[in-house]
Amino acid sequence: MNKKISLDNNLPAGHVQDLINDIQVNPGAIVSKTLRKSQNMNLTLFAFDTGQALSGHSSPMDAYVQILMGVMNITIDETTQAVKTGQVILMPAGINHALEALEPTKMLLTMVRV
């Protein structure tokens, strides 16, 4: 029998995940917690303190950022937008993007290979 390898961390089937309370903002830091990682999809929680940023980069996967708490400036190509609690934005594969927290922020990053 071929046993399927699971790369889920803290995300078993049927488990309710408390996204906001399962990661904490640390002073002067960016914190991440991988919930699922596979060839076609990655699901990661992030917590950014005010002013913390990820500089310009691109990804081979489409990346959806859902803001769970706070506000981030998200730059895609050369356009910057403030994305707030309850909003989601797509950062397309292969396009340069950057993120900066304008206040303590928690987000869910869903990366999907399409």
Protein backbone atom coordinates (compact mmCIF):
# COMPACT_ATOMS: atom_id res chain seq x y z
CA MET A 1 0.00 0.00 0.00
CA ASN A 2 1.30 3.45 -0.95
CA LYS A 3 1.09 5.66 2.14
CA LYS A 4 0.32 9.30 1.34
CA ILE A 5 2.78 11.76 2.85
CA SER A 6 1.08 14.68 4.57
CA LEU A 7 2.83 18.02 4.96
CA ASP A 8 -0.03 19.47 7.00
CA ASN A 9 1.08 21.17 10.20
CA ASN A 10 -1.70 21.69 12.73
CA LEU A 11 -4.38 21.35 10.05
CA PRO A 12 -5.87 17.85 10.28
CA ALA A 13 -9.11 17.06 8.45
CA GLY A 14 -12.17 18.33 10.30
CA HIS A 15 -10.14 20.52 12.68
CA VAL A 16 -11.34 24.10 13.11
CA GLN A 17 -8.31 26.41 12.93
CA ASP A 18 -8.46 29.70 14.86
CA LEU A 19 -6.43 31.77 12.41
CA ILE A 20 -6.33 35.01 14.42
CA ASN A 21 -5.41 33.49 17.78
CA ASP A 22 -2.99 30.84 16.46
CA ILE A 23 -0.24 33.36 15.71
CA GLN A 24 1.00 36.33 17.71
CA VAL A 25 2.61 39.61 16.67
CA ASN A 26 6.10 39.88 18.17
CA PRO A 27 7.73 43.31 18.63
CA GLY A 28 9.99 44.18 15.70
CA ALA A 29 9.45 40.85 13.97
CA ILE A 30 7.70 38.87 11.27
CA VAL A 31 6.36 35.52 12.46
CA SER A 32 5.14 32.73 10.17
CA LYS A 33 3.39 29.43 10.73
CA THR A 34 2.99 26.92 7.89
CA LEU A 35 -0.41 25.22 7.98
CA ARG A 36 -0.09 23.22 4.75
CA LYS A 37 2.62 22.80 2.15
CA SER A 38 2.29 20.76 -1.01
CA GLN A 39 3.46 20.89 -4.61
CA ASN A 40 0.38 22.86 -5.71
CA MET A 41 -0.63 24.83 -2.61
CA ASN A 42 0.90 26.47 0.45
CA LEU A 43 -1.12 27.88 3.34
CA THR A 44 0.78 30.09 5.79
CA LEU A 45 -0.19 32.41 8.65
CA PHE A 46 1.91 35.55 9.12
CA ALA A 47 2.08 38.16 11.88
CA PHE A 48 3.91 41.45 11.19
CA ASP A 49 4.72 44.16 13.69
CA THR A 50 4.28 47.77 12.54
CA GLY A 51 6.86 48.69 9.91
CA GLN A 52 7.96 45.13 9.22
CA ALA A 53 8.14 44.37 5.51
CA LEU A 54 8.96 41.83 2.83
CA SER A 55 10.94 43.48 0.05
CA GLY A 56 10.13 43.05 -3.63
CA HIS A 57 10.12 39.48 -4.89
CA SER A 58 8.03 37.20 -7.11
CA SER A 59 6.66 33.68 -6.79
CA PRO A 60 5.99 30.86 -9.26
CA MET A 61 2.50 30.52 -7.73
CA ASP A 62 -0.47 32.88 -7.52
CA ALA A 63 -0.53 34.28 -3.97
CA TYR A 64 -3.69 35.44 -2.20
CA VAL A 65 -3.24 37.63 0.89
CA GLN A 66 -6.21 37.80 3.24
CA ILE A 67 -5.83 40.36 6.02
CA LEU A 68 -7.17 38.87 9.27
CA MET A 69 -6.28 41.88 11.44
CA GLY A 70 -4.56 45.18 10.69
CA VAL A 71 -3.52 47.05 7.54
CA MET A 72 -0.73 46.41 5.03
CA ASN A 73 0.59 48.30 2.07
CA ILE A 74 0.85 45.74 -0.71
CA THR A 75 2.71 46.67 -3.85
CA ILE A 76 2.12 44.64 -7.00
CA ASP A 77 4.33 45.62 -9.92
CA GLU A 78 4.39 49.39 -9.33
CA THR A 79 0.95 49.89 -7.73
CA THR A 80 0.60 50.13 -3.93
CA GLN A 81 -2.69 49.63 -2.12
CA ALA A 82 -3.63 49.60 1.57
CA VAL A 83 -5.32 46.26 2.28
CA LYS A 84 -7.36 46.10 5.50
CA THR A 85 -8.98 43.60 7.86
CA GLY A 86 -11.42 41.37 5.96
CA GLN A 87 -9.97 42.15 2.53
CA VAL A 88 -8.10 39.85 0.14
CA ILE A 89 -5.79 40.63 -2.77
CA LEU A 90 -4.22 38.48 -5.50
CA MET A 91 -0.51 38.78 -6.20
CA PRO A 92 -0.14 37.01 -9.58
CA ALA A 93 2.62 34.48 -10.22
CA GLY A 94 5.76 35.93 -11.77
CA ILE A 95 4.91 39.56 -10.88
CA ASN A 96 7.07 41.49 -8.42
CA HIS A 97 5.32 42.28 -5.12
CA ALA A 98 6.18 43.63 -1.66
CA LEU A 99 4.37 43.96 1.67
CA GLU A 100 4.67 46.41 4.60
CA ALA A 101 2.63 46.41 7.81
CA LEU A 102 1.17 49.84 8.65
CA GLU A 103 0.12 48.54 12.08
CA PRO A 104 0.35 45.15 13.83
CA THR A 105 -1.08 42.81 11.19
CA LYS A 106 -2.02 39.16 10.83
CA MET A 107 -2.59 37.65 7.40
CA LEU A 108 -3.26 34.33 5.72
CA LEU A 109 -1.17 33.65 2.62
CA THR A 110 -2.59 31.07 0.21
CA MET A 111 -0.29 30.17 -2.66
CA VAL A 112 -1.77 28.14 -5.51
CA ARG A 113 -0.16 26.70 -8.62
CA VAL A 114 -2.53 27.24 -11.55
